[in-house]
Amino acid sequence: MTPARVGELGIVGAGGGGFPTAVKLGTRVPLVIANAAECEPLLHKDKELLHHLSEPFLRGMIAAMEMVGAPQGVIGIKEKYHDIIAAMEQQAPKNIRVALLPDAYPTGDEFILVHIVTGRVIPPGGLPKDVDAMVANVETPDEHWAGPAGDREVSHRRGSRAQPHHVARAHRHHHRRGDRGGGRSDGGRL
């Protein structure tokens, strides 16, 4: 997988901002940060993803690091998730470390996360690349980036031409620009 192919597929970050992932992957930075901070206090999706899908996540993170030329990676996890921290520290390669994050709002904010991990402040109007980092929500790096499967769509179209919708083929699918409803063009109705 290449940043250009990610762009062709229209993959955007899974953190909610919809920033085009290809733009991030097209930069050259020495550090990739995976945001597993669970910014919303009642959500546990990042923790569950790392618990159940750690191997695909790590393959995707390694692929992202290779695409941006980053020799180092960091997974930002709230310090209260002891089991996930222990598992990631055991499973991650030596060039990916875990950063313990406080259980406070808005730890998951990109500016806050970058400051906690690097000690640097993103300038006003700037991006993480301005302080030599790339940030991706923990859901965005995917094992499909790591090999030949990266050229395969992770959803397929079903339904009539008048009301098509997409059904995930893999364990999850990526949001595409202009497609926030999981690919459903009918507003999510069955």
C-alpha atoms as a PDB file:
ATOM      1  CA  MET A   1       0.000   0.000   0.000  1.00  0.00           C
ATOM      2  CA  THR A   2       1.166   3.506  -0.770  1.00  0.00           C
ATOM      3  CA  PRO A   3      -0.113   6.926   0.308  1.00  0.00           C
ATOM      4  CA  ALA A   4      -1.333   7.431  -3.274  1.00  0.00           C
ATOM      5  CA  ARG A   5      -3.400   4.236  -3.108  1.00  0.00           C
ATOM      6  CA  VAL A   6      -4.830   5.285   0.267  1.00  0.00           C
ATOM      7  CA  GLY A   7      -5.847   8.543  -1.436  1.00  0.00           C
ATOM      8  CA  GLU A   8      -7.421   6.708  -4.376  1.00  0.00           C
ATOM      9  CA  LEU A   9      -9.505   4.680  -1.937  1.00  0.00           C
ATOM     10  CA  GLY A  10     -10.615   7.888  -0.200  1.00  0.00           C
ATOM     11  CA  ILE A  11      -9.662   6.617   3.252  1.00  0.00           C
ATOM     12  CA  VAL A  12     -10.020   9.203   5.998  1.00  0.00           C
ATOM     13  CA  GLY A  13      -9.050   9.012   9.646  1.00  0.00           C
ATOM     14  CA  ALA A  14     -11.349   7.173  12.026  1.00  0.00           C
ATOM     15  CA  GLY A  15     -11.023   9.735  14.807  1.00  0.00           C
ATOM     16  CA  GLY A  16     -14.003  11.793  13.683  1.00  0.00           C
ATOM     17  CA  GLY A  17     -12.304  14.734  11.966  1.00  0.00           C
ATOM     18  CA  GLY A  18     -12.370  13.155   8.513  1.00  0.00           C
ATOM     19  CA  PHE A  19      -8.845  14.330   7.647  1.00  0.00           C
ATOM     20  CA  PRO A  20      -7.606  12.562   4.478  1.00  0.00           C
ATOM     21  CA  THR A  21      -5.245   9.806   5.613  1.00  0.00           C
ATOM     22  CA  ALA A  22      -3.245  10.015   2.378  1.00  0.00           C
ATOM     23  CA  VAL A  23      -2.187  13.559   3.272  1.00  0.00           C
ATOM     24  CA  LYS A  24      -0.820  12.361   6.613  1.00  0.00           C
ATOM     25  CA  LEU A  25       0.889   9.360   5.016  1.00  0.00           C
ATOM     26  CA  GLY A  26       2.434  11.610   2.364  1.00  0.00           C
ATOM     27  CA  THR A  27       4.551  13.461   4.934  1.00  0.00           C
ATOM     28  CA  ARG A  28       8.020  12.513   6.157  1.00  0.00           C
ATOM     29  CA  VAL A  29       8.224  12.510   9.947  1.00  0.00           C
ATOM     30  CA  PRO A  30      10.291  10.576  12.495  1.00  0.00           C
ATOM     31  CA  LEU A  31       7.370   9.655  14.777  1.00  0.00           C
ATOM     32  CA  VAL A  32       3.930   8.067  14.355  1.00  0.00           C
ATOM     33  CA  ILE A  33       1.550   8.361  17.304  1.00  0.00           C
ATOM     34  CA  ALA A  34      -1.501   6.091  17.552  1.00  0.00           C
ATOM     35  CA  ASN A  35      -4.228   7.796  19.557  1.00  0.00           C
ATOM     36  CA  ALA A  36      -5.946   5.232  21.799  1.00  0.00           C
ATOM     37  CA  ALA A  37      -6.958   7.829  24.396  1.00  0.00           C
ATOM     38  CA  GLU A  38     -10.739   7.326  24.379  1.00  0.00           C
ATOM     39  CA  CYS A  39     -11.460  11.045  24.475  1.00  0.00           C
ATOM     40  CA  GLU A  40     -15.119  10.459  25.332  1.00  0.00           C
ATOM     41  CA  PRO A  41     -15.367   9.280  28.958  1.00  0.00           C
ATOM     42  CA  LEU A  42     -17.895   6.474  28.409  1.00  0.00           C
ATOM     43  CA  LEU A  43     -16.339   4.949  25.292  1.00  0.00           C
ATOM     44  CA  HIS A  44     -14.130   1.863  25.371  1.00  0.00           C
ATOM     45  CA  LYS A  45     -13.747   1.171  21.635  1.00  0.00           C
ATOM     46  CA  ASP A  46     -10.006   1.867  21.464  1.00  0.00           C
ATOM     47  CA  LYS A  47      -9.316  -0.414  24.405  1.00  0.00           C
ATOM     48  CA  GLU A  48     -11.478  -3.154  22.876  1.00  0.00           C
ATOM     49  CA  LEU A  49      -9.847  -2.787  19.458  1.00  0.00           C
ATOM     50  CA  LEU A  50      -6.388  -3.175  20.997  1.00  0.00           C
ATOM     51  CA  HIS A  51      -7.607  -6.130  23.052  1.00  0.00           C
ATOM     52  CA  HIS A  52      -9.215  -8.028  20.166  1.00  0.00           C
ATOM     53  CA  LEU A  53      -7.335  -6.764  17.085  1.00  0.00           C
ATOM     54  CA  SER A  54      -3.849  -5.928  18.346  1.00  0.00           C
ATOM     55  CA  GLU A  55      -1.987  -7.888  15.667  1.00  0.00           C
ATOM     56  CA  PRO A  56      -3.754  -6.253  12.685  1.00  0.00           C
ATOM     57  CA  PHE A  57      -3.399  -2.859  14.363  1.00  0.00           C
ATOM     58  CA  LEU A  58       0.348  -3.343  14.915  1.00  0.00           C
ATOM     59  CA  ARG A  59       0.865  -4.496  11.304  1.00  0.00           C
ATOM     60  CA  GLY A  60      -0.961  -1.381  10.143  1.00  0.00           C
ATOM     61  CA  MET A  61       1.018   0.872  12.448  1.00  0.00           C
ATOM     62  CA  ILE A  62       4.301  -0.584  11.198  1.00  0.00           C
ATOM     63  CA  ALA A  63       3.116  -0.022   7.615  1.00  0.00           C
ATOM     64  CA  ALA A  64       2.189   3.598   8.443  1.00  0.00           C
ATOM     65  CA  MET A  65       5.622   4.134  10.008  1.00  0.00           C
ATOM     66  CA  GLU A  66       7.287   2.769   6.872  1.00  0.00           C
ATOM     67  CA  MET A  67       5.180   5.029   4.616  1.00  0.00           C
ATOM     68  CA  VAL A  68       6.199   8.202   6.480  1.00  0.00           C
ATOM     69  CA  GLY A  69       9.771   7.093   7.165  1.00  0.00           C
ATOM     70  CA  ALA A  70       9.311   7.059  10.939  1.00  0.00           C
ATOM     71  CA  PRO A  71      11.797   4.931  12.868  1.00  0.00           C
ATOM     72  CA  GLN A  72       9.729   5.345  16.053  1.00  0.00           C
ATOM     73  CA  GLY A  73       6.099   4.811  17.010  1.00  0.00           C
ATOM     74  CA  VAL A  74       4.074   5.507  20.126  1.00  0.00           C
ATOM     75  CA  ILE A  75       0.712   4.154  21.218  1.00  0.00           C
ATOM     76  CA  GLY A  76      -0.998   6.598  23.577  1.00  0.00           C
ATOM     77  CA  ILE A  77      -3.157   4.644  26.056  1.00  0.00           C
ATOM     78  CA  LYS A  78      -4.864   5.829  29.240  1.00  0.00           C
ATOM     79  CA  GLU A  79      -2.858   4.709  32.246  1.00  0.00           C
ATOM     80  CA  LYS A  80      -5.889   3.010  33.834  1.00  0.00           C
ATOM     81  CA  TYR A  81      -5.927   0.242  31.174  1.00  0.00           C
ATOM     82  CA  HIS A  82      -3.237  -1.920  32.785  1.00  0.00           C
ATOM     83  CA  ASP A  83      -4.091  -5.101  30.827  1.00  0.00           C
ATOM     84  CA  ILE A  84      -3.957  -3.357  27.443  1.00  0.00           C
ATOM     85  CA  ILE A  85      -0.738  -1.562  28.346  1.00  0.00           C
ATOM     86  CA  ALA A  86       0.898  -4.843  29.388  1.00  0.00           C
ATOM     87  CA  ALA A  87      -0.275  -6.582  26.204  1.00  0.00           C
ATOM     88  CA  MET A  88       0.952  -3.783  23.917  1.00  0.00           C
ATOM     89  CA  GLU A  89       4.315  -3.583  25.679  1.00  0.00           C
ATOM     90  CA  GLN A  90       4.727  -7.323  25.156  1.00  0.00           C
ATOM     91  CA  GLN A  91       3.478  -7.473  21.547  1.00  0.00           C
ATOM     92  CA  ALA A  92       4.862  -4.279  20.042  1.00  0.00           C
ATOM     93  CA  PRO A  93       8.274  -4.309  18.362  1.00  0.00           C
ATOM     94  CA  LYS A  94      11.112  -2.479  20.096  1.00  0.00           C
ATOM     95  CA  ASN A  95      10.641   0.692  18.036  1.00  0.00           C
ATOM     96  CA  ILE A  96       7.027   1.129  19.193  1.00  0.00           C
ATOM     97  CA  ARG A  97       6.496   2.164  22.797  1.00  0.00           C
ATOM     98  CA  VAL A  98       3.446   2.817  24.939  1.00  0.00           C
ATOM     99  CA  ALA A  99       2.873   6.301  26.361  1.00  0.00           C
ATOM    100  CA  LEU A 100       0.755   6.410  29.501  1.00  0.00           C
ATOM    101  CA  LEU A 101      -1.923   9.079  29.304  1.00  0.00           C
ATOM    102  CA  PRO A 102      -3.929  10.608  32.148  1.00  0.00           C
ATOM    103  CA  ASP A 103      -7.572   9.632  32.512  1.00  0.00           C
ATOM    104  CA  ALA A 104      -8.748  13.163  31.868  1.00  0.00           C
ATOM    105  CA  TYR A 105     -10.669  15.032  29.203  1.00  0.00           C
ATOM    106  CA  PRO A 106      -9.429  16.079  26.581  1.00  0.00           C
ATOM    107  CA  THR A 107      -6.395  13.763  26.606  1.00  0.00           C
ATOM    108  CA  GLY A 108      -7.417  12.422  23.185  1.00  0.00           C
ATOM    109  CA  ASP A 109      -7.233  15.852  21.582  1.00  0.00           C
ATOM    110  CA  GLU A 110      -4.439  15.757  18.994  1.00  0.00           C
ATOM    111  CA  PHE A 111      -2.693  18.868  20.373  1.00  0.00           C
ATOM    112  CA  ILE A 112      -2.784  17.538  23.953  1.00  0.00           C
ATOM    113  CA  LEU A 113      -1.656  14.050  22.888  1.00  0.00           C
ATOM    114  CA  VAL A 114       1.304  15.358  20.895  1.00  0.00           C
ATOM    115  CA  HIS A 115       2.377  17.533  23.826  1.00  0.00           C
ATOM    116  CA  ILE A 116       2.140  14.649  26.314  1.00  0.00           C
ATOM    117  CA  VAL A 117       4.104  12.296  24.047  1.00  0.00           C
ATOM    118  CA  THR A 118       6.737  14.675  22.648  1.00  0.00           C
ATOM    119  CA  GLY A 119       6.803  17.677  24.974  1.00  0.00           C
ATOM    120  CA  ARG A 120       6.319  19.891  21.891  1.00  0.00           C
ATOM    121  CA  VAL A 121       3.475  22.301  21.196  1.00  0.00           C
ATOM    122  CA  ILE A 122       1.818  22.303  17.772  1.00  0.00           C
ATOM    123  CA  PRO A 123       1.766  25.955  16.641  1.00  0.00           C
ATOM    124  CA  PRO A 124      -1.601  27.728  16.267  1.00  0.00           C
ATOM    125  CA  GLY A 125      -3.145  26.663  12.976  1.00  0.00           C
ATOM    126  CA  GLY A 126      -0.492  23.970  12.645  1.00  0.00           C
ATOM    127  CA  LEU A 127      -0.490  20.215  12.324  1.00  0.00           C
ATOM    128  CA  PRO A 128       1.456  17.460  14.114  1.00  0.00           C
ATOM    129  CA  LYS A 129       3.859  17.324  11.160  1.00  0.00           C
ATOM    130  CA  ASP A 130       5.001  20.814  12.210  1.00  0.00           C
ATOM    131  CA  VAL A 131       6.554  19.176  15.293  1.00  0.00           C
ATOM    132  CA  ASP A 132       7.812  16.068  13.442  1.00  0.00           C
ATOM    133  CA  ALA A 133       4.917  13.731  14.247  1.00  0.00           C
ATOM    134  CA  MET A 134       1.978  12.065  12.526  1.00  0.00           C
ATOM    135  CA  VAL A 135      -1.095  11.176  14.596  1.00  0.00           C
ATOM    136  CA  ALA A 136      -3.670   8.556  13.655  1.00  0.00           C
ATOM    137  CA  ASN A 137      -6.612   7.310  15.634  1.00  0.00           C
ATOM    138  CA  VAL A 138      -5.980   3.735  16.743  1.00  0.00           C
ATOM    139  CA  GLU A 139      -8.748   2.592  14.364  1.00  0.00           C
ATOM    140  CA  THR A 140      -7.088   4.026  11.258  1.00  0.00           C
ATOM    141  CA  PRO A 141      -3.882   1.948  10.844  1.00  0.00           C
ATOM    142  CA  ASP A 142      -5.019  -1.326   9.393  1.00  0.00           C
ATOM    143  CA  GLU A 143      -3.381  -4.598   8.507  1.00  0.00           C
ATOM    144  CA  HIS A 144      -4.578  -4.081   4.925  1.00  0.00           C
ATOM    145  CA  TRP A 145      -1.901  -1.390   4.580  1.00  0.00           C
ATOM    146  CA  ALA A 146       0.816  -3.911   5.320  1.00  0.00           C
ATOM    147  CA  GLY A 147       0.636  -6.112   2.258  1.00  0.00           C
ATOM    148  CA  PRO A 148      -1.078  -7.162  -0.944  1.00  0.00           C
ATOM    149  CA  ALA A 149      -4.509  -7.090   0.707  1.00  0.00           C
ATOM    150  CA  GLY A 150      -4.125  -3.306   0.767  1.00  0.00           C
ATOM    151  CA  ASP A 151      -5.308  -3.154  -2.817  1.00  0.00           C
ATOM    152  CA  ARG A 152      -8.539  -4.929  -1.969  1.00  0.00           C
ATOM    153  CA  GLU A 153     -11.698  -3.032  -1.104  1.00  0.00           C
ATOM    154  CA  VAL A 154     -12.839  -3.691   2.447  1.00  0.00           C
ATOM    155  CA  SER A 155     -16.516  -3.239   1.636  1.00  0.00           C
ATOM    156  CA  HIS A 156     -18.682  -4.132  -1.316  1.00  0.00           C
ATOM    157  CA  ARG A 157     -21.844  -2.748  -2.805  1.00  0.00           C
ATOM    158  CA  ARG A 158     -25.226  -4.409  -2.405  1.00  0.00           C
ATOM    159  CA  GLY A 159     -28.766  -3.332  -3.121  1.00  0.00           C
ATOM    160  CA  SER A 160     -30.416  -1.777  -6.117  1.00  0.00           C
ATOM    161  CA  ARG A 161     -28.747   0.913  -8.171  1.00  0.00           C
ATOM    162  CA  ALA A 162     -31.359   3.341  -6.865  1.00  0.00           C
ATOM    163  CA  GLN A 163     -30.475   2.570  -3.235  1.00  0.00           C
ATOM    164  CA  PRO A 164     -27.003   0.995  -3.025  1.00  0.00           C
ATOM    165  CA  HIS A 165     -25.284   0.391   0.297  1.00  0.00           C
ATOM    166  CA  HIS A 166     -21.966  -1.060   1.351  1.00  0.00           C
ATOM    167  CA  VAL A 167     -21.472  -4.131   3.505  1.00  0.00           C
ATOM    168  CA  ALA A 168     -18.182  -4.651   5.328  1.00  0.00           C
ATOM    169  CA  ARG A 169     -16.146  -7.654   4.157  1.00  0.00           C
ATOM    170  CA  ALA A 170     -13.434  -7.417   6.769  1.00  0.00           C
ATOM    171  CA  HIS A 171     -13.545  -7.058  10.543  1.00  0.00           C
ATOM    172  CA  ARG A 172     -14.242  -3.365  10.015  1.00  0.00           C
ATOM    173  CA  HIS A 173     -14.293  -0.849   7.203  1.00  0.00           C
ATOM    174  CA  HIS A 174     -12.845   2.582   6.647  1.00  0.00           C
ATOM    175  CA  HIS A 175     -15.000   5.649   6.319  1.00  0.00           C
ATOM    176  CA  ARG A 176     -14.678   7.305   2.949  1.00  0.00           C
ATOM    177  CA  ARG A 177     -14.954  11.010   2.219  1.00  0.00           C
ATOM    178  CA  GLY A 178     -18.600  11.990   2.035  1.00  0.00           C
ATOM    179  CA  ASP A 179     -19.632   8.574   3.360  1.00  0.00           C
ATOM    180  CA  ARG A 180     -20.063   8.859   7.111  1.00  0.00           C
ATOM    181  CA  GLY A 181     -22.899   6.339   7.410  1.00  0.00           C
ATOM    182  CA  GLY A 182     -20.929   3.146   6.837  1.00  0.00           C
ATOM    183  CA  GLY A 183     -21.553   3.365   3.121  1.00  0.00           C
ATOM    184  CA  ARG A 184     -25.344   3.414   3.368  1.00  0.00           C
ATOM    185  CA  SER A 185     -26.910   5.853   0.942  1.00  0.00           C
ATOM    186  CA  ASP A 186     -30.389   5.300   2.354  1.00  0.00           C
ATOM    187  CA  GLY A 187     -29.737   6.971   5.710  1.00  0.00           C
ATOM    188  CA  GLY A 188     -29.113   3.661   7.450  1.00  0.00           C
ATOM    189  CA  ARG A 189     -32.573   2.200   6.986  1.00  0.00           C
ATOM    190  CA  LEU A 190     -32.896  -1.478   6.147  1.00  0.00           C
END
